[in-house]
Amino acid sequence: MTVERAILLTVGGLIIVSVLLAVYVNINWLWLTGILGAHLVQASFTGMCPVVMMFKRMGLPSKAGFT
């Protein structure tokens, strides 16, 4: 597993969980989905993502072309 795939798995899983929580528990869980989307946009511009740093510290390799 690479850092890039781990990020896709983590964010995708969190989005699915937040949507399910919004449907079955409380609609306010959609705020989590919005925050995740906003963070993805921010990370695409700045390259700063705390989860990426955590995965790199865990020793996951990164694909060539990504840093």
PDB file of N, CA and C in Angstrom:
ATOM      1  N   MET A   1       0.846  -1.171   0.000  1.00  0.00           N
ATOM      2  CA  MET A   1       0.000   0.000   0.000  1.00  0.00           C
ATOM      3  C   MET A   1       0.893   1.236   0.000  1.00  0.00           C
ATOM      4  N   THR A   2       0.575   2.166  -0.876  1.00  0.00           N
ATOM      5  CA  THR A   2       1.327   3.416  -0.950  1.00  0.00           C
ATOM      6  C   THR A   2       0.564   4.519  -0.204  1.00  0.00           C
ATOM      7  N   VAL A   3       1.243   5.626   0.014  1.00  0.00           N
ATOM      8  CA  VAL A   3       0.619   6.768   0.678  1.00  0.00           C
ATOM      9  C   VAL A   3      -0.614   7.224  -0.098  1.00  0.00           C
ATOM     10  N   GLU A   4      -0.508   7.274  -1.402  1.00  0.00           N
ATOM     11  CA  GLU A   4      -1.612   7.757  -2.230  1.00  0.00           C
ATOM     12  C   GLU A   4      -2.841   6.862  -2.092  1.00  0.00           C
ATOM     13  N   ARG A   5      -2.638   5.563  -2.114  1.00  0.00           N
ATOM     14  CA  ARG A   5      -3.777   4.646  -1.960  1.00  0.00           C
ATOM     15  C   ARG A   5      -4.350   4.697  -0.553  1.00  0.00           C
ATOM     16  N   ALA A   6      -3.491   4.864   0.437  1.00  0.00           N
ATOM     17  CA  ALA A   6      -3.956   4.962   1.819  1.00  0.00           C
ATOM     18  C   ALA A   6      -4.813   6.209   2.019  1.00  0.00           C
ATOM     19  N   ILE A   7      -4.425   7.305   1.382  1.00  0.00           N
ATOM     20  CA  ILE A   7      -5.219   8.534   1.471  1.00  0.00           C
ATOM     21  C   ILE A   7      -6.582   8.326   0.830  1.00  0.00           C
ATOM     22  N   LEU A   8      -6.608   7.733  -0.356  1.00  0.00           N
ATOM     23  CA  LEU A   8      -7.887   7.473  -1.027  1.00  0.00           C
ATOM     24  C   LEU A   8      -8.784   6.595  -0.165  1.00  0.00           C
ATOM     25  N   LEU A   9      -8.220   5.563   0.437  1.00  0.00           N
ATOM     26  CA  LEU A   9      -8.986   4.658   1.300  1.00  0.00           C
ATOM     27  C   LEU A   9      -9.507   5.390   2.530  1.00  0.00           C
ATOM     28  N   THR A  10      -8.669   6.193   3.169  1.00  0.00           N
ATOM     29  CA  THR A  10      -9.059   6.900   4.388  1.00  0.00           C
ATOM     30  C   THR A  10     -10.165   7.916   4.117  1.00  0.00           C
ATOM     31  N   VAL A  11      -9.957   8.771   3.135  1.00  0.00           N
ATOM     32  CA  VAL A  11     -10.950   9.816   2.849  1.00  0.00           C
ATOM     33  C   VAL A  11     -12.236   9.202   2.304  1.00  0.00           C
ATOM     34  N   GLY A  12     -12.123   8.231   1.432  1.00  0.00           N
ATOM     35  CA  GLY A  12     -13.320   7.565   0.914  1.00  0.00           C
ATOM     36  C   GLY A  12     -14.124   6.898   2.012  1.00  0.00           C
ATOM     37  N   GLY A  13     -13.437   6.230   2.920  1.00  0.00           N
ATOM     38  CA  GLY A  13     -14.122   5.583   4.046  1.00  0.00           C
ATOM     39  C   GLY A  13     -14.807   6.592   4.955  1.00  0.00           C
ATOM     40  N   LEU A  14     -14.121   7.696   5.245  1.00  0.00           N
ATOM     41  CA  LEU A  14     -14.724   8.731   6.093  1.00  0.00           C
ATOM     42  C   LEU A  14     -15.949   9.364   5.437  1.00  0.00           C
ATOM     43  N   ILE A  15     -15.906   9.557   4.133  1.00  0.00           N
ATOM     44  CA  ILE A  15     -17.054  10.137   3.427  1.00  0.00           C
ATOM     45  C   ILE A  15     -18.242   9.180   3.471  1.00  0.00           C
ATOM     46  N   ILE A  16     -18.000   7.902   3.226  1.00  0.00           N
ATOM     47  CA  ILE A  16     -19.088   6.918   3.289  1.00  0.00           C
ATOM     48  C   ILE A  16     -19.686   6.872   4.693  1.00  0.00           C
ATOM     49  N   VAL A  17     -18.826   6.855   5.714  1.00  0.00           N
ATOM     50  CA  VAL A  17     -19.313   6.815   7.098  1.00  0.00           C
ATOM     51  C   VAL A  17     -20.132   8.061   7.418  1.00  0.00           C
ATOM     52  N   SER A  18     -19.657   9.238   7.008  1.00  0.00           N
ATOM     53  CA  SER A  18     -20.387  10.465   7.336  1.00  0.00           C
ATOM     54  C   SER A  18     -21.737  10.531   6.617  1.00  0.00           C
ATOM     55  N   VAL A  19     -21.804  10.047   5.393  1.00  0.00           N
ATOM     56  CA  VAL A  19     -23.082  10.032   4.678  1.00  0.00           C
ATOM     57  C   VAL A  19     -24.046   9.053   5.341  1.00  0.00           C
ATOM     58  N   LEU A  20     -23.555   7.889   5.732  1.00  0.00           N
ATOM     59  CA  LEU A  20     -24.422   6.921   6.422  1.00  0.00           C
ATOM     60  C   LEU A  20     -24.898   7.478   7.765  1.00  0.00           C
ATOM     61  N   LEU A  21     -24.010   8.142   8.495  1.00  0.00           N
ATOM     62  CA  LEU A  21     -24.421   8.758   9.752  1.00  0.00           C
ATOM     63  C   LEU A  21     -25.460   9.853   9.515  1.00  0.00           C
ATOM     64  N   ALA A  22     -25.323  10.606   8.424  1.00  0.00           N
ATOM     65  CA  ALA A  22     -26.297  11.654   8.099  1.00  0.00           C
ATOM     66  C   ALA A  22     -27.661  11.049   7.786  1.00  0.00           C
ATOM     67  N   VAL A  23     -27.668   9.922   7.100  1.00  0.00           N
ATOM     68  CA  VAL A  23     -28.933   9.281   6.724  1.00  0.00           C
ATOM     69  C   VAL A  23     -29.607   8.651   7.942  1.00  0.00           C
ATOM     70  N   TYR A  24     -28.834   7.965   8.773  1.00  0.00           N
ATOM     71  CA  TYR A  24     -29.425   7.170   9.836  1.00  0.00           C
ATOM     72  C   TYR A  24     -29.387   7.814  11.225  1.00  0.00           C
ATOM     73  N   VAL A  25     -28.561   8.839  11.443  1.00  0.00           N
ATOM     74  CA  VAL A  25     -28.448   9.412  12.782  1.00  0.00           C
ATOM     75  C   VAL A  25     -28.896  10.870  12.784  1.00  0.00           C
ATOM     76  N   ASN A  26     -28.144  11.723  12.074  1.00  0.00           N
ATOM     77  CA  ASN A  26     -28.444  13.150  12.099  1.00  0.00           C
ATOM     78  C   ASN A  26     -27.855  13.795  10.845  1.00  0.00           C
ATOM     79  N   ILE A  27     -28.643  14.654  10.212  1.00  0.00           N
ATOM     80  CA  ILE A  27     -28.228  15.298   8.963  1.00  0.00           C
ATOM     81  C   ILE A  27     -26.968  16.155   9.141  1.00  0.00           C
ATOM     82  N   ASN A  28     -26.692  16.595  10.366  1.00  0.00           N
ATOM     83  CA  ASN A  28     -25.522  17.442  10.611  1.00  0.00           C
ATOM     84  C   ASN A  28     -24.209  16.722  10.351  1.00  0.00           C
ATOM     85  N   TRP A  29     -24.208  15.404  10.231  1.00  0.00           N
ATOM     86  CA  TRP A  29     -22.981  14.675   9.893  1.00  0.00           C
ATOM     87  C   TRP A  29     -22.486  15.025   8.495  1.00  0.00           C
ATOM     88  N   LEU A  30     -23.337  15.638   7.677  1.00  0.00           N
ATOM     89  CA  LEU A  30     -22.884  16.061   6.348  1.00  0.00           C
ATOM     90  C   LEU A  30     -21.842  17.166   6.429  1.00  0.00           C
ATOM     91  N   TRP A  31     -21.757  17.856   7.571  1.00  0.00           N
ATOM     92  CA  TRP A  31     -20.696  18.841   7.755  1.00  0.00           C
ATOM     93  C   TRP A  31     -19.333  18.182   7.650  1.00  0.00           C
ATOM     94  N   LEU A  32     -19.215  16.957   8.152  1.00  0.00           N
ATOM     95  CA  LEU A  32     -17.941  16.237   8.049  1.00  0.00           C
ATOM     96  C   LEU A  32     -17.582  16.001   6.587  1.00  0.00           C
ATOM     97  N   THR A  33     -18.571  15.623   5.787  1.00  0.00           N
ATOM     98  CA  THR A  33     -18.324  15.423   4.356  1.00  0.00           C
ATOM     99  C   THR A  33     -17.843  16.716   3.706  1.00  0.00           C
ATOM    100  N   GLY A  34     -18.474  17.822   4.038  1.00  0.00           N
ATOM    101  CA  GLY A  34     -18.065  19.111   3.494  1.00  0.00           C
ATOM    102  C   GLY A  34     -16.670  19.516   3.929  1.00  0.00           C
ATOM    103  N   ILE A  35     -16.350  19.273   5.196  1.00  0.00           N
ATOM    104  CA  ILE A  35     -15.011  19.602   5.700  1.00  0.00           C
ATOM    105  C   ILE A  35     -13.957  18.757   4.993  1.00  0.00           C
ATOM    106  N   LEU A  36     -14.244  17.476   4.778  1.00  0.00           N
ATOM    107  CA  LEU A  36     -13.296  16.620   4.059  1.00  0.00           C
ATOM    108  C   LEU A  36     -13.082  17.119   2.630  1.00  0.00           C
ATOM    109  N   GLY A  37     -14.148  17.508   1.961  1.00  0.00           N
ATOM    110  CA  GLY A  37     -14.027  18.044   0.605  1.00  0.00           C
ATOM    111  C   GLY A  37     -13.225  19.327   0.567  1.00  0.00           C
ATOM    112  N   ALA A  38     -13.489  20.223   1.533  1.00  0.00           N
ATOM    113  CA  ALA A  38     -12.738  21.477   1.589  1.00  0.00           C
ATOM    114  C   ALA A  38     -11.259  21.216   1.858  1.00  0.00           C
ATOM    115  N   HIS A  39     -10.973  20.236   2.709  1.00  0.00           N
ATOM    116  CA  HIS A  39      -9.576  19.915   2.993  1.00  0.00           C
ATOM    117  C   HIS A  39      -8.881  19.348   1.758  1.00  0.00           C
ATOM    118  N   LEU A  40      -9.574  18.531   0.979  1.00  0.00           N
ATOM    119  CA  LEU A  40      -8.977  17.991  -0.247  1.00  0.00           C
ATOM    120  C   LEU A  40      -8.636  19.112  -1.224  1.00  0.00           C
ATOM    121  N   VAL A  41      -9.526  20.100  -1.345  1.00  0.00           N
ATOM    122  CA  VAL A  41      -9.256  21.242  -2.227  1.00  0.00           C
ATOM    123  C   VAL A  41      -8.057  22.026  -1.705  1.00  0.00           C
ATOM    124  N   GLN A  42      -8.031  22.300  -0.398  1.00  0.00           N
ATOM    125  CA  GLN A  42      -6.914  23.028   0.212  1.00  0.00           C
ATOM    126  C   GLN A  42      -5.611  22.273   0.018  1.00  0.00           C
ATOM    127  N   ALA A  43      -5.615  20.970   0.239  1.00  0.00           N
ATOM    128  CA  ALA A  43      -4.396  20.171   0.107  1.00  0.00           C
ATOM    129  C   ALA A  43      -3.903  20.137  -1.339  1.00  0.00           C
ATOM    130  N   SER A  44      -4.819  20.207  -2.295  1.00  0.00           N
ATOM    131  CA  SER A  44      -4.392  20.201  -3.700  1.00  0.00           C
ATOM    132  C   SER A  44      -3.621  21.467  -4.058  1.00  0.00           C
ATOM    133  N   PHE A  45      -3.931  22.583  -3.403  1.00  0.00           N
ATOM    134  CA  PHE A  45      -3.231  23.832  -3.664  1.00  0.00           C
ATOM    135  C   PHE A  45      -1.946  23.973  -2.857  1.00  0.00           C
ATOM    136  N   THR A  46      -1.988  23.555  -1.592  1.00  0.00           N
ATOM    137  CA  THR A  46      -0.837  23.794  -0.714  1.00  0.00           C
ATOM    138  C   THR A  46       0.104  22.606  -0.608  1.00  0.00           C
ATOM    139  N   GLY A  47      -0.393  21.405  -0.879  1.00  0.00           N
ATOM    140  CA  GLY A  47       0.416  20.210  -0.722  1.00  0.00           C
ATOM    141  C   GLY A  47       0.569  19.784   0.726  1.00  0.00           C
ATOM    142  N   MET A  48      -0.126  20.468   1.641  1.00  0.00           N
ATOM    143  CA  MET A  48      -0.027  20.190   3.073  1.00  0.00           C
ATOM    144  C   MET A  48      -1.205  19.324   3.517  1.00  0.00           C
ATOM    145  N   CYS A  49      -0.901  18.124   3.993  1.00  0.00           N
ATOM    146  CA  CYS A  49      -1.939  17.226   4.484  1.00  0.00           C
ATOM    147  C   CYS A  49      -1.381  16.455   5.682  1.00  0.00           C
ATOM    148  N   PRO A  50      -1.940  16.668   6.863  1.00  0.00           N
ATOM    149  CA  PRO A  50      -1.442  15.978   8.051  1.00  0.00           C
ATOM    150  C   PRO A  50      -1.526  14.456   7.952  1.00  0.00           C
ATOM    151  N   VAL A  51      -2.536  13.945   7.267  1.00  0.00           N
ATOM    152  CA  VAL A  51      -2.680  12.493   7.149  1.00  0.00           C
ATOM    153  C   VAL A  51      -1.560  11.912   6.286  1.00  0.00           C
ATOM    154  N   VAL A  52      -1.161  12.624   5.242  1.00  0.00           N
ATOM    155  CA  VAL A  52      -0.035  12.180   4.416  1.00  0.00           C
ATOM    156  C   VAL A  52       1.235  12.122   5.247  1.00  0.00           C
ATOM    157  N   MET A  53       1.444  13.161   6.060  1.00  0.00           N
ATOM    158  CA  MET A  53       2.638  13.159   6.920  1.00  0.00           C
ATOM    159  C   MET A  53       2.614  11.972   7.884  1.00  0.00           C
ATOM    160  N   MET A  54       1.437  11.650   8.418  1.00  0.00           N
ATOM    161  CA  MET A  54       1.316  10.515   9.337  1.00  0.00           C
ATOM    162  C   MET A  54       1.639   9.199   8.623  1.00  0.00           C
ATOM    163  N   PHE A  55       1.102   9.025   7.421  1.00  0.00           N
ATOM    164  CA  PHE A  55       1.366   7.786   6.674  1.00  0.00           C
ATOM    165  C   PHE A  55       2.843   7.670   6.312  1.00  0.00           C
ATOM    166  N   LYS A  56       3.482   8.792   5.994  1.00  0.00           N
ATOM    167  CA  LYS A  56       4.916   8.754   5.680  1.00  0.00           C
ATOM    168  C   LYS A  56       5.734   8.382   6.909  1.00  0.00           C
ATOM    169  N   ARG A  57       5.340   8.900   8.082  1.00  0.00           N
ATOM    170  CA  ARG A  57       6.026   8.532   9.320  1.00  0.00           C
ATOM    171  C   ARG A  57       5.836   7.060   9.651  1.00  0.00           C
ATOM    172  N   MET A  58       4.701   6.493   9.215  1.00  0.00           N
ATOM    173  CA  MET A  58       4.443   5.073   9.434  1.00  0.00           C
ATOM    174  C   MET A  58       5.277   4.205   8.489  1.00  0.00           C
ATOM    175  N   GLY A  59       5.920   4.841   7.522  1.00  0.00           N
ATOM    176  CA  GLY A  59       6.805   4.118   6.622  1.00  0.00           C
ATOM    177  C   GLY A  59       6.182   3.668   5.318  1.00  0.00           C
ATOM    178  N   LEU A  60       5.002   4.166   4.987  1.00  0.00           N
ATOM    179  CA  LEU A  60       4.405   3.794   3.704  1.00  0.00           C
ATOM    180  C   LEU A  60       5.182   4.440   2.565  1.00  0.00           C
ATOM    181  N   PRO A  61       5.438   3.697   1.500  1.00  0.00           N
ATOM    182  CA  PRO A  61       6.169   4.282   0.375  1.00  0.00           C
ATOM    183  C   PRO A  61       5.276   5.218  -0.435  1.00  0.00           C
ATOM    184  N   SER A  62       5.905   6.130  -1.134  1.00  0.00           N
ATOM    185  CA  SER A  62       5.196   7.070  -1.993  1.00  0.00           C
ATOM    186  C   SER A  62       5.527   6.735  -3.441  1.00  0.00           C
ATOM    187  N   LYS A  63       4.540   6.884  -4.324  1.00  0.00           N
ATOM    188  CA  LYS A  63       4.770   6.632  -5.756  1.00  0.00           C
ATOM    189  C   LYS A  63       5.649   7.719  -6.344  1.00  0.00           C
ATOM    190  N   ALA A  64       6.388   7.369  -7.374  1.00  0.00           N
ATOM    191  CA  ALA A  64       7.186   8.361  -8.097  1.00  0.00           C
ATOM    192  C   ALA A  64       6.260   9.407  -8.692  1.00  0.00           C
ATOM    193  N   GLY A  65       6.643  10.653  -8.591  1.00  0.00           N
ATOM    194  CA  GLY A  65       5.815  11.735  -9.112  1.00  0.00           C
ATOM    195  C   GLY A  65       4.960  12.381  -8.048  1.00  0.00           C
ATOM    196  N   PHE A  66       4.856  11.754  -6.893  1.00  0.00           N
ATOM    197  CA  PHE A  66       4.112  12.313  -5.767  1.00  0.00           C
ATOM    198  C   PHE A  66       5.089  12.533  -4.633  1.00  0.00           C
ATOM    199  N   THR A  67       4.868  13.607  -3.867  1.00  0.00           N
ATOM    200  CA  THR A  67       5.724  13.863  -2.710  1.00  0.00           C
ATOM    201  C   THR A  67       4.904  14.128  -1.483  1.00  0.00           C
TER     202      THR A  67
END
